[in-house]
C-alpha atoms as a PDB file:
ATOM      1  CA  MET A   1      -0.115   0.082  -0.008  1.00  0.00           C
ATOM      2  CA  ARG A   2       0.989   3.598  -0.514  1.00  0.00           C
ATOM      3  CA  MET A   3      -0.474   6.927   0.335  1.00  0.00           C
ATOM      4  CA  ASN A   4      -1.630   9.295  -2.244  1.00  0.00           C
ATOM      5  CA  ASP A   5      -1.455  13.164  -2.648  1.00  0.00           C
ATOM      6  CA  ILE A   6      -4.645  13.623  -0.445  1.00  0.00           C
ATOM      7  CA  GLY A   7      -3.608  11.321   2.340  1.00  0.00           C
ATOM      8  CA  PHE A   8      -5.662   8.299   1.494  1.00  0.00           C
ATOM      9  CA  HIS A   9      -3.868   4.785   1.133  1.00  0.00           C
ATOM     10  CA  GLU A  10      -4.392   3.014  -2.023  1.00  0.00           C
ATOM     11  CA  THR A  11      -3.263  -0.575  -3.245  1.00  0.00           C
ATOM     12  CA  GLU A  12      -0.496  -0.931  -5.463  1.00  0.00           C
ATOM     13  CA  ARG A  13      -0.831  -3.206  -8.308  1.00  0.00           C
ATOM     14  CA  GLY A  14      -0.261  -6.637  -7.378  1.00  0.00           C
ATOM     15  CA  GLU A  15      -1.423  -6.546  -3.997  1.00  0.00           C
ATOM     16  CA  SER A  16      -4.779  -7.770  -2.948  1.00  0.00           C
ATOM     17  CA  GLU A  17      -7.382  -6.027  -1.323  1.00  0.00           C
ATOM     18  CA  GLU A  18      -7.149  -8.455   1.736  1.00  0.00           C
ATOM     19  CA  SER A  19      -3.883  -7.113   2.543  1.00  0.00           C
ATOM     20  CA  ILE A  20      -5.215  -3.652   3.364  1.00  0.00           C
ATOM     21  CA  PRO A  21      -5.266  -3.225   7.176  1.00  0.00           C
ATOM     22  CA  SER A  22      -8.611  -2.204   8.505  1.00  0.00           C
ATOM     23  CA  VAL A  23      -9.008   1.612   9.394  1.00  0.00           C
ATOM     24  CA  THR A  24     -11.690   3.070  11.499  1.00  0.00           C
ATOM     25  CA  ARG A  25     -13.809   5.974  10.367  1.00  0.00           C
ATOM     26  CA  GLU A  26     -12.668   8.356  13.423  1.00  0.00           C
ATOM     27  CA  GLU A  27      -8.922   7.647  12.640  1.00  0.00           C
ATOM     28  CA  SER A  28      -9.377   8.430   8.975  1.00  0.00           C
ATOM     29  CA  TYR A  29     -11.245  11.624   9.661  1.00  0.00           C
ATOM     30  CA  SER A  30      -8.533  12.761  12.240  1.00  0.00           C
ATOM     31  CA  GLU A  31      -5.838  12.040   9.970  1.00  0.00           C
ATOM     32  CA  LEU A  32      -7.532  13.753   7.168  1.00  0.00           C
ATOM     33  CA  LYS A  33      -8.206  17.004   9.445  1.00  0.00           C
ATOM     34  CA  ILE A  34      -4.438  17.044  10.431  1.00  0.00           C
ATOM     35  CA  ARG A  35      -3.365  16.874   6.768  1.00  0.00           C
ATOM     36  CA  LEU A  36      -6.024  19.520   6.011  1.00  0.00           C
ATOM     37  CA  GLU A  37      -4.530  21.859   8.611  1.00  0.00           C
ATOM     38  CA  ASN A  38      -1.087  21.196   7.498  1.00  0.00           C
ATOM     39  CA  CYS A  39      -2.117  21.992   3.993  1.00  0.00           C
ATOM     40  CA  GLU A  40      -3.803  25.293   5.135  1.00  0.00           C
ATOM     41  CA  LYS A  41      -0.592  26.349   7.043  1.00  0.00           C
ATOM     42  CA  ARG A  42       1.383  25.439   4.036  1.00  0.00           C
ATOM     43  CA  TYR A  43      -0.925  27.449   1.689  1.00  0.00           C
ATOM     44  CA  GLU A  44      -0.738  30.435   3.920  1.00  0.00           C
ATOM     45  CA  ASP A  45       3.134  29.847   4.170  1.00  0.00           C
ATOM     46  CA  LEU A  46       3.080  29.643   0.200  1.00  0.00           C
ATOM     47  CA  LYS A  47       0.894  32.819  -0.086  1.00  0.00           C
ATOM     48  CA  MET A  48       3.121  34.744   2.320  1.00  0.00           C
ATOM     49  CA  LYS A  49       6.245  33.765   0.544  1.00  0.00           C
ATOM     50  CA  ASN A  50       4.417  34.392  -2.885  1.00  0.00           C
ATOM     51  CA  GLU A  51       3.574  37.988  -1.441  1.00  0.00           C
ATOM     52  CA  ARG A  52       7.083  38.589  -0.158  1.00  0.00           C
ATOM     53  CA  LEU A  53       8.449  37.555  -3.696  1.00  0.00           C
ATOM     54  CA  HIS A  54       5.939  39.682  -5.399  1.00  0.00           C
ATOM     55  CA  ASN A  55       7.192  42.690  -3.198  1.00  0.00           C
ATOM     56  CA  GLU A  56      10.653  41.848  -3.855  1.00  0.00           C
ATOM     57  CA  ASN A  57      10.196  41.575  -7.550  1.00  0.00           C
ATOM     58  CA  VAL A  58       8.340  45.111  -7.448  1.00  0.00           C
ATOM     59  CA  ASP A  59      11.430  46.383  -5.283  1.00  0.00           C
ATOM     60  CA  LEU A  60      13.772  45.000  -7.993  1.00  0.00           C
ATOM     61  CA  THR A  61      11.740  46.385 -10.937  1.00  0.00           C
ATOM     62  CA  THR A  62      11.754  49.903  -9.143  1.00  0.00           C
ATOM     63  CA  ARG A  63      15.331  49.500  -8.478  1.00  0.00           C
ATOM     64  CA  LEU A  64      16.185  48.364 -12.130  1.00  0.00           C
ATOM     65  CA  ASP A  65      14.080  51.484 -13.307  1.00  0.00           C
ATOM     66  CA  LEU A  66      16.111  53.848 -11.100  1.00  0.00           C
ATOM     67  CA  CYS A  67      19.468  52.173 -12.235  1.00  0.00           C
ATOM     68  CA  GLY A  68      18.493  52.519 -15.882  1.00  0.00           C
ATOM     69  CA  ASP A  69      17.768  56.178 -15.223  1.00  0.00           C
ATOM     70  CA  GLU A  70      20.912  56.472 -13.403  1.00  0.00           C
ATOM     71  CA  ILE A  71      22.886  54.906 -16.241  1.00  0.00           C
ATOM     72  CA  ARG A  72      21.230  57.239 -18.742  1.00  0.00           C
ATOM     73  CA  ARG A  73      22.102  60.291 -16.654  1.00  0.00           C
ATOM     74  CA  LEU A  74      25.769  59.256 -16.102  1.00  0.00           C
ATOM     75  CA  GLN A  75      25.716  58.657 -20.036  1.00  0.00           C
ATOM     76  CA  ARG A  76      24.473  62.090 -20.617  1.00  0.00           C
ATOM     77  CA  GLU A  77      27.138  63.400 -17.964  1.00  0.00           C
ATOM     78  CA  LEU A  78      29.902  61.524 -19.716  1.00  0.00           C
ATOM     79  CA  GLU A  79      28.905  62.771 -23.243  1.00  0.00           C
ATOM     80  CA  SER A  80      28.799  66.427 -21.577  1.00  0.00           C
ATOM     81  CA  ALA A  81      32.134  65.730 -19.853  1.00  0.00           C
ATOM     82  CA  ARG A  82      33.572  64.705 -23.187  1.00  0.00           C
ATOM     83  CA  VAL A  83      32.408  67.728 -24.955  1.00  0.00           C
ATOM     84  CA  LYS A  84      33.696  69.853 -22.220  1.00  0.00           C
ATOM     85  CA  ILE A  85      37.176  68.206 -22.364  1.00  0.00           C
ATOM     86  CA  THR A  86      37.327  68.533 -26.056  1.00  0.00           C
ATOM     87  CA  GLN A  87      36.541  72.402 -25.769  1.00  0.00           C
ATOM     88  CA  LEU A  88      39.188  72.593 -23.132  1.00  0.00           C
ATOM     89  CA  GLN A  89      41.827  71.132 -25.356  1.00  0.00           C
ATOM     90  CA  ASN A  90      40.991  73.328 -28.116  1.00  0.00           C
ATOM     91  CA  GLU A  91      41.038  76.253 -25.879  1.00  0.00           C
ATOM     92  CA  ARG A  92      44.436  75.110 -24.514  1.00  0.00           C
ATOM     93  CA  ASP A  93      45.712  74.780 -28.192  1.00  0.00           C
ATOM     94  CA  LEU A  94      44.565  78.295 -29.122  1.00  0.00           C
ATOM     95  CA  TRP A  95      46.274  79.672 -26.013  1.00  0.00           C
ATOM     96  CA  LYS A  96      49.559  77.850 -26.704  1.00  0.00           C
ATOM     97  CA  GLN A  97      49.194  79.381 -30.225  1.00  0.00           C
ATOM     98  CA  ARG A  98      48.625  82.869 -28.862  1.00  0.00           C
ATOM     99  CA  CYS A  99      51.539  82.474 -26.505  1.00  0.00           C
ATOM    100  CA  GLU A 100      54.058  81.454 -29.366  1.00  0.00           C
ATOM    101  CA  GLU A 101      52.862  84.684 -31.299  1.00  0.00           C
ATOM    102  CA  CYS A 102      53.544  86.826 -28.169  1.00  0.00           C
ATOM    103  CA  ARG A 103      56.961  85.079 -27.754  1.00  0.00           C
ATOM    104  CA  GLY A 104      57.783  85.967 -31.523  1.00  0.00           C
ATOM    105  CA  ILE A 105      56.717  89.603 -31.003  1.00  0.00           C
ATOM    106  CA  ALA A 106      58.730  89.713 -27.754  1.00  0.00           C
ATOM    107  CA  GLU A 107      61.703  88.558 -29.787  1.00  0.00           C
ATOM    108  CA  GLU A 108      61.123  91.016 -32.497  1.00  0.00           C
ATOM    109  CA  LEU A 109      61.076  93.669 -29.967  1.00  0.00           C
ATOM    110  CA  ARG A 110      64.312  92.533 -28.347  1.00  0.00           C
ATOM    111  CA  LYS A 111      65.945  92.556 -31.575  1.00  0.00           C
ATOM    112  CA  GLN A 112      64.753  96.134 -32.243  1.00  0.00           C
ATOM    113  CA  ILE A 113      65.905  97.066 -28.742  1.00  0.00           C
ATOM    114  CA  THR A 114      69.372  95.440 -29.350  1.00  0.00           C
ATOM    115  CA  LYS A 115      69.509  97.359 -32.734  1.00  0.00           C
ATOM    116  CA  LEU A 116      68.695 100.500 -31.144  1.00  0.00           C
ATOM    117  CA  LYS A 117      71.332 100.089 -28.562  1.00  0.00           C
ATOM    118  CA  LYS A 118      74.028  99.628 -30.999  1.00  0.00           C
ATOM    119  CA  GLY A 119      72.839 102.771 -32.825  1.00  0.00           C
ATOM    120  CA  LYS A 120      72.854 104.634 -29.567  1.00  0.00           C
ATOM    121  CA  ALA A 121      76.309 103.463 -28.785  1.00  0.00           C
ATOM    122  CA  MET A 122      77.492 104.499 -32.192  1.00  0.00           C
ATOM    123  CA  CYS A 123      75.657 108.006 -31.679  1.00  0.00           C
ATOM    124  CA  GLU A 124      77.669 108.194 -28.451  1.00  0.00           C
ATOM    125  CA  GLU A 125      80.888 107.732 -30.141  1.00  0.00           C
ATOM    126  CA  GLU A 126      80.047 109.879 -33.057  1.00  0.00           C
ATOM    127  CA  LYS A 127      79.105 112.516 -30.434  1.00  0.00           C
ATOM    128  CA  GLN A 128      82.558 112.209 -28.682  1.00  0.00           C
ATOM    129  CA  GLN A 129      84.332 112.631 -31.882  1.00  0.00           C
ATOM    130  CA  LEU A 130      82.289 115.580 -32.862  1.00  0.00           C
ATOM    131  CA  GLN A 131      82.925 117.187 -29.460  1.00  0.00           C
ATOM    132  CA  ASP A 132      86.730 116.514 -29.911  1.00  0.00           C
ATOM    133  CA  LYS A 133      86.639 117.884 -33.470  1.00  0.00           C
ATOM    134  CA  ILE A 134      84.645 121.087 -31.900  1.00  0.00           C
ATOM    135  CA  ARG A 135      87.473 121.554 -29.326  1.00  0.00           C
ATOM    136  CA  ARG A 136      90.218 121.177 -31.762  1.00  0.00           C
ATOM    137  CA  HIS A 137      88.621 123.823 -33.972  1.00  0.00           C
ATOM    138  CA  GLU A 138      88.074 126.118 -31.045  1.00  0.00           C
ATOM    139  CA  ASN A 139      91.729 125.735 -30.185  1.00  0.00           C
ATOM    140  CA  GLU A 140      92.697 126.503 -33.791  1.00  0.00           C
ATOM    141  CA  ILE A 141      90.388 129.437 -33.813  1.00  0.00           C
ATOM    142  CA  GLY A 142      91.976 130.722 -30.588  1.00  0.00           C
ATOM    143  CA  ALA A 143      95.490 130.308 -32.041  1.00  0.00           C
ATOM    144  CA  LEU A 144      94.507 131.982 -35.334  1.00  0.00           C
ATOM    145  CA  ILE A 145      92.842 134.949 -33.405  1.00  0.00           C
ATOM    146  CA  THR A 146      96.102 135.159 -31.293  1.00  0.00           C
ATOM    147  CA  ASP A 147      98.334 134.977 -34.511  1.00  0.00           C
ATOM    148  CA  ASN A 148      96.020 137.770 -36.158  1.00  0.00           C
ATOM    149  CA  LYS A 149      96.425 140.082 -33.243  1.00  0.00           C
ATOM    150  CA  ASN A 150     100.336 139.395 -33.261  1.00  0.00           C
ATOM    151  CA  LEU A 151     100.191 140.109 -37.105  1.00  0.00           C
ATOM    152  CA  GLN A 152      98.272 143.215 -36.651  1.00  0.00           C
ATOM    153  CA  ASN A 153     100.619 144.380 -33.794  1.00  0.00           C
ATOM    154  CA  ALA A 154     103.656 143.555 -36.194  1.00  0.00           C
ATOM    155  CA  LEU A 155     101.881 145.312 -38.915  1.00  0.00           C
ATOM    156  CA  GLU A 156     101.529 148.400 -36.891  1.00  0.00           C
ATOM    157  CA  SER A 157     105.069 148.400 -35.645  1.00  0.00           C
ATOM    158  CA  GLN A 158     106.387 147.607 -39.235  1.00  0.00           C
ATOM    159  CA  MET A 159     104.307 150.290 -40.864  1.00  0.00           C
ATOM    160  CA  GLN A 160     106.066 153.011 -38.536  1.00  0.00           C
ATOM    161  CA  LYS A 161     109.556 151.559 -40.161  1.00  0.00           C
ATOM    162  CA  GLY A 162     108.381 151.290 -43.442  1.00  0.00           C
ATOM    163  CA  ARG A 163     105.713 150.486 -45.881  1.00  0.00           C
ATOM    164  CA  TYR A 164     107.452 147.844 -48.142  1.00  0.00           C
ATOM    165  CA  ARG A 165     105.963 144.817 -45.978  1.00  0.00           C
ATOM    166  CA  THR A 166     102.437 146.182 -45.898  1.00  0.00           C
ATOM    167  CA  GLN A 167     101.207 144.390 -48.986  1.00  0.00           C
ATOM    168  CA  GLU A 168     102.658 140.975 -47.669  1.00  0.00           C
ATOM    169  CA  LEU A 169     101.146 141.367 -44.228  1.00  0.00           C
ATOM    170  CA  GLU A 170      97.711 142.464 -45.597  1.00  0.00           C
ATOM    171  CA  GLU A 171      97.716 139.296 -47.861  1.00  0.00           C
ATOM    172  CA  LYS A 172      98.647 137.154 -45.080  1.00  0.00           C
ATOM    173  CA  ILE A 173      95.935 138.658 -42.867  1.00  0.00           C
ATOM    174  CA  GLU A 174      93.451 138.088 -45.580  1.00  0.00           C
ATOM    175  CA  GLU A 175      94.373 134.472 -45.891  1.00  0.00           C
ATOM    176  CA  LEU A 176      94.005 134.199 -42.001  1.00  0.00           C
ATOM    177  CA  LYS A 177      90.666 135.892 -42.210  1.00  0.00           C
ATOM    178  CA  LEU A 178      89.440 133.427 -45.055  1.00  0.00           C
ATOM    179  CA  SER A 179      90.937 130.447 -42.820  1.00  0.00           C
ATOM    180  CA  LEU A 180      89.124 131.791 -39.723  1.00  0.00           C
ATOM    181  CA  ASP A 181      85.724 131.990 -41.686  1.00  0.00           C
ATOM    182  CA  GLU A 182      86.238 128.543 -43.106  1.00  0.00           C
ATOM    183  CA  LYS A 183      86.975 127.248 -39.454  1.00  0.00           C
ATOM    184  CA  ASN A 184      83.951 129.070 -38.186  1.00  0.00           C
ATOM    185  CA  ARG A 185      81.592 127.606 -40.740  1.00  0.00           C
ATOM    186  CA  SER A 186      82.992 124.154 -39.987  1.00  0.00           C
ATOM    187  CA  LEU A 187      82.389 124.847 -36.276  1.00  0.00           C
ATOM    188  CA  ILE A 188      78.866 125.891 -36.879  1.00  0.00           C
ATOM    189  CA  GLU A 189      78.247 122.581 -38.993  1.00  0.00           C
ATOM    190  CA  CYS A 190      79.860 120.427 -36.214  1.00  0.00           C
ATOM    191  CA  LYS A 191      77.617 122.189 -33.738  1.00  0.00           C
ATOM    192  CA  GLN A 192      74.454 121.669 -35.785  1.00  0.00           C
ATOM    193  CA  ARG A 193      75.260 118.072 -36.503  1.00  0.00           C
ATOM    194  CA  LEU A 194      76.036 117.776 -32.768  1.00  0.00           C
ATOM    195  CA  ASP A 195      72.570 119.025 -31.901  1.00  0.00           C
ATOM    196  CA  LYS A 196      71.131 116.732 -34.571  1.00  0.00           C
ATOM    197  CA  TRP A 197      72.889 113.745 -33.011  1.00  0.00           C
ATOM    198  CA  GLU A 198      71.509 114.849 -29.524  1.00  0.00           C
ATOM    199  CA  GLU A 199      68.111 114.943 -30.810  1.00  0.00           C
ATOM    200  CA  GLU A 200      68.194 111.643 -32.453  1.00  0.00           C
ATOM    201  CA  LYS A 201      69.801 110.142 -29.146  1.00  0.00           C
ATOM    202  CA  ARG A 202      66.949 111.407 -26.956  1.00  0.00           C
ATOM    203  CA  GLN A 203      64.373 109.916 -29.628  1.00  0.00           C
ATOM    204  CA  MET A 204      66.204 106.542 -29.421  1.00  0.00           C
ATOM    205  CA  GLU A 205      66.023 106.626 -25.627  1.00  0.00           C
ATOM    206  CA  ARG A 206      62.343 107.156 -25.639  1.00  0.00           C
ATOM    207  CA  THR A 207      61.940 104.357 -28.149  1.00  0.00           C
ATOM    208  CA  ILE A 208      63.751 102.049 -26.118  1.00  0.00           C
ATOM    209  CA  GLU A 209      61.829 102.911 -22.979  1.00  0.00           C
ATOM    210  CA  ASN A 210      58.404 102.218 -24.972  1.00  0.00           C
ATOM    211  CA  LEU A 211      59.879  98.895 -26.306  1.00  0.00           C
ATOM    212  CA  GLN A 212      60.858  97.769 -22.770  1.00  0.00           C
ATOM    213  CA  GLU A 213      57.407  98.707 -21.435  1.00  0.00           C
ATOM    214  CA  LYS A 214      55.780  96.542 -24.062  1.00  0.00           C
ATOM    215  CA  ILE A 215      58.012  93.744 -23.551  1.00  0.00           C
ATOM    216  CA  ARG A 216      57.176  93.814 -19.689  1.00  0.00           C
ATOM    217  CA  ILE A 217      53.395  93.896 -20.576  1.00  0.00           C
ATOM    218  CA  TYR A 218      53.780  90.816 -22.922  1.00  0.00           C
ATOM    219  CA  ARG A 219      55.838  89.254 -20.139  1.00  0.00           C
ATOM    220  CA  ASP A 220      53.068  89.456 -17.829  1.00  0.00           C
ATOM    221  CA  PHE A 221      50.684  88.322 -20.253  1.00  0.00           C
ATOM    222  CA  VAL A 222      52.633  85.172 -21.161  1.00  0.00           C
ATOM    223  CA  GLU A 223      52.952  84.481 -17.276  1.00  0.00           C
ATOM    224  CA  GLU A 224      49.132  84.673 -17.148  1.00  0.00           C
ATOM    225  CA  LEU A 225      48.949  82.382 -20.116  1.00  0.00           C
ATOM    226  CA  LYS A 226      51.251  79.818 -18.390  1.00  0.00           C
ATOM    227  CA  ARG A 227      49.204  79.710 -15.150  1.00  0.00           C
ATOM    228  CA  LEU A 228      45.752  79.164 -17.080  1.00  0.00           C
ATOM    229  CA  LEU A 229      47.510  76.301 -19.059  1.00  0.00           C
ATOM    230  CA  ASP A 230      48.655  74.929 -15.635  1.00  0.00           C
ATOM    231  CA  ARG A 231      44.944  74.863 -14.348  1.00  0.00           C
ATOM    232  CA  ILE A 232      43.424  73.238 -17.353  1.00  0.00           C
ATOM    233  CA  PRO A 233      44.756  69.680 -16.773  1.00  0.00           C
ATOM    234  CA  ARG A 234      43.664  69.910 -13.058  1.00  0.00           C
ATOM    235  CA  GLN A 235      40.110  70.696 -14.273  1.00  0.00           C
ATOM    236  CA  ILE A 236      40.257  67.935 -16.767  1.00  0.00           C
ATOM    237  CA  GLU A 237      41.129  65.582 -13.815  1.00  0.00           C
ATOM    238  CA  VAL A 238      38.456  66.454 -11.597  1.00  0.00           C
ATOM    239  CA  ILE A 239      35.669  66.819 -14.427  1.00  0.00           C
ATOM    240  CA  GLY A 240      34.741  62.980 -13.998  1.00  0.00           C
ATOM    241  CA  PRO A 241      32.917  62.776 -10.540  1.00  0.00           C
ATOM    242  CA  GLU A 242      31.511  66.383 -10.965  1.00  0.00           C
ATOM    243  CA  ARG A 243      28.169  66.956 -12.661  1.00  0.00           C
ATOM    244  CA  PRO A 244      28.257  68.582 -15.927  1.00  0.00           C
ATOM    245  CA  VAL A 245      28.593  72.297 -16.026  1.00  0.00           C
ATOM    246  CA  GLN A 246      27.321  74.644 -18.860  1.00  0.00           C
ATOM    247  CA  PRO A 247      30.289  75.223 -20.892  1.00  0.00           C
ATOM    248  CA  GLN A 248      31.371  78.899 -21.068  1.00  0.00           C
ATOM    249  CA  ARG A 249      31.939  80.490 -24.426  1.00  0.00           C
ATOM    250  CA  TYR A 250      35.020  82.347 -24.769  1.00  0.00           C
ATOM    251  CA  GLU A 251      35.337  85.407 -26.837  1.00  0.00           C
ATOM    252  CA  GLU A 252      38.186  85.816 -29.410  1.00  0.00           C
ATOM    253  CA  THR A 253      40.863  87.906 -27.408  1.00  0.00           C
ATOM    254  CA  SER A 254      42.459  90.649 -29.571  1.00  0.00           C
ATOM    255  CA  PHE A 255      46.240  90.978 -29.135  1.00  0.00           C
ATOM    256  CA  PRO A 256      47.912  94.365 -29.311  1.00  0.00           C
ATOM    257  CA  GLN A 257      50.179  94.519 -32.247  1.00  0.00           C
ATOM    258  CA  PRO A 258      53.297  96.176 -31.522  1.00  0.00           C
ATOM    259  CA  GLU A 259      54.374  99.240 -33.311  1.00  0.00           C
ATOM    260  CA  ILE A 260      57.171  98.437 -35.426  1.00  0.00           C
ATOM    261  CA  LEU A 261      59.412 101.642 -35.399  1.00  0.00           C
ATOM    262  CA  SER A 262      61.353 102.483 -38.450  1.00  0.00           C
ATOM    263  CA  GLU A 263      64.956 103.787 -37.858  1.00  0.00           C
ATOM    264  CA  PRO A 264      65.667 107.396 -39.385  1.00  0.00           C
ATOM    265  CA  LYS A 265      67.650 106.963 -42.657  1.00  0.00           C
ATOM    266  CA  PRO A 266      70.603 109.162 -42.707  1.00  0.00           C
ATOM    267  CA  SER A 267      71.353 111.453 -45.879  1.00  0.00           C
ATOM    268  CA  GLU A 268      73.948 110.494 -48.403  1.00  0.00           C
ATOM    269  CA  SER A 269      76.457 112.846 -46.804  1.00  0.00           C
ATOM    270  CA  GLU A 270      75.877 111.336 -43.401  1.00  0.00           C
ATOM    271  CA  GLU A 271      76.281 107.688 -44.876  1.00  0.00           C
ATOM    272  CA  LYS A 272      79.707 108.533 -46.132  1.00  0.00           C
ATOM    273  CA  GLU A 273      80.951 109.729 -42.754  1.00  0.00           C
ATOM    274  CA  PHE A 274      79.089 107.628 -40.276  1.00  0.00           C
ATOM    275  CA  SER A 275      77.559 104.010 -40.323  1.00  0.00           C
ATOM    276  CA  TRP A 276      74.411 102.983 -38.487  1.00  0.00           C
ATOM    277  CA  GLU A 277      74.388  99.237 -39.171  1.00  0.00           C
ATOM    278  CA  SER A 278      76.809  96.689 -37.677  1.00  0.00           C
ATOM    279  CA  ASP A 279      77.535  93.016 -38.573  1.00  0.00           C
ATOM    280  CA  ARG A 280      78.574  92.243 -34.967  1.00  0.00           C
ATOM    281  CA  ASP A 281      76.584  89.351 -33.145  1.00  0.00           C
ATOM    282  CA  GLU A 282      73.693  90.335 -31.012  1.00  0.00           C
ATOM    283  CA  GLU A 283      74.419  90.347 -27.266  1.00  0.00           C
ATOM    284  CA  GLY A 284      72.525  91.422 -24.233  1.00  0.00           C
ATOM    285  CA  PHE A 285      69.064  89.958 -24.728  1.00  0.00           C
ATOM    286  CA  MET A 286      66.501  90.842 -22.295  1.00  0.00           C
ATOM    287  CA  ALA A 287      65.005  87.491 -20.617  1.00  0.00           C
ATOM    288  CA  LEU A 288      61.317  86.941 -20.789  1.00  0.00           C
END
């Protein structure tokens, strides 16, 4: 005999009905009642388990939807961060290019300053030469005036003795006067040239001061660009965990173009006597 699903005993095949033990009605009813109570308890347990599983399924579905929303939000943040990184890289390249342009401008200004300094040194040398020449002419003029006075005194003394040397002395006096006039003209010309060189020297000094001020401005601008380029990698590193920020739009910055100063060209007569250009190596560059 074996027991079926509902708790009753049934005979297996090959067994006779006589082998079934006799069971009273009270025992079958009590056993059936116990089984029925067990089934109800099991049903309640299964029902509670089903409700718990249903609630867990609802919670998991809700969490899955939230995770999907979070994934989509993170994907949007990732795309925004990539766009911002690309913009920052483009901006960094733009600032690097502008920094190189500023360095080229500063290098050109340094070359101009070096050239003007050489011209200033040459002007100082020419000025010294002109001053020496003026002193020599003044000494010669003083000597000629002294000779003229001596000759006039000699002429007056000789006129008392005789007139035979009067013509010779007068011719010599005329020659001395002509020489004196020529020296005076040369002295005036040297003074005018010296005044001209003094004015050009003052102009060159003002030009050098202006160029040095421009170099200082460009140096400060290059330092500001370097600090900005140093901050960009740190912004790229911390952009991952942060929320996307509306990218700023940078306006095109206009750079002041340096004023390229042209050197004054000397006249043909000055080119023959003085030279402005020099083939020596450039030294004494100012550091950025």
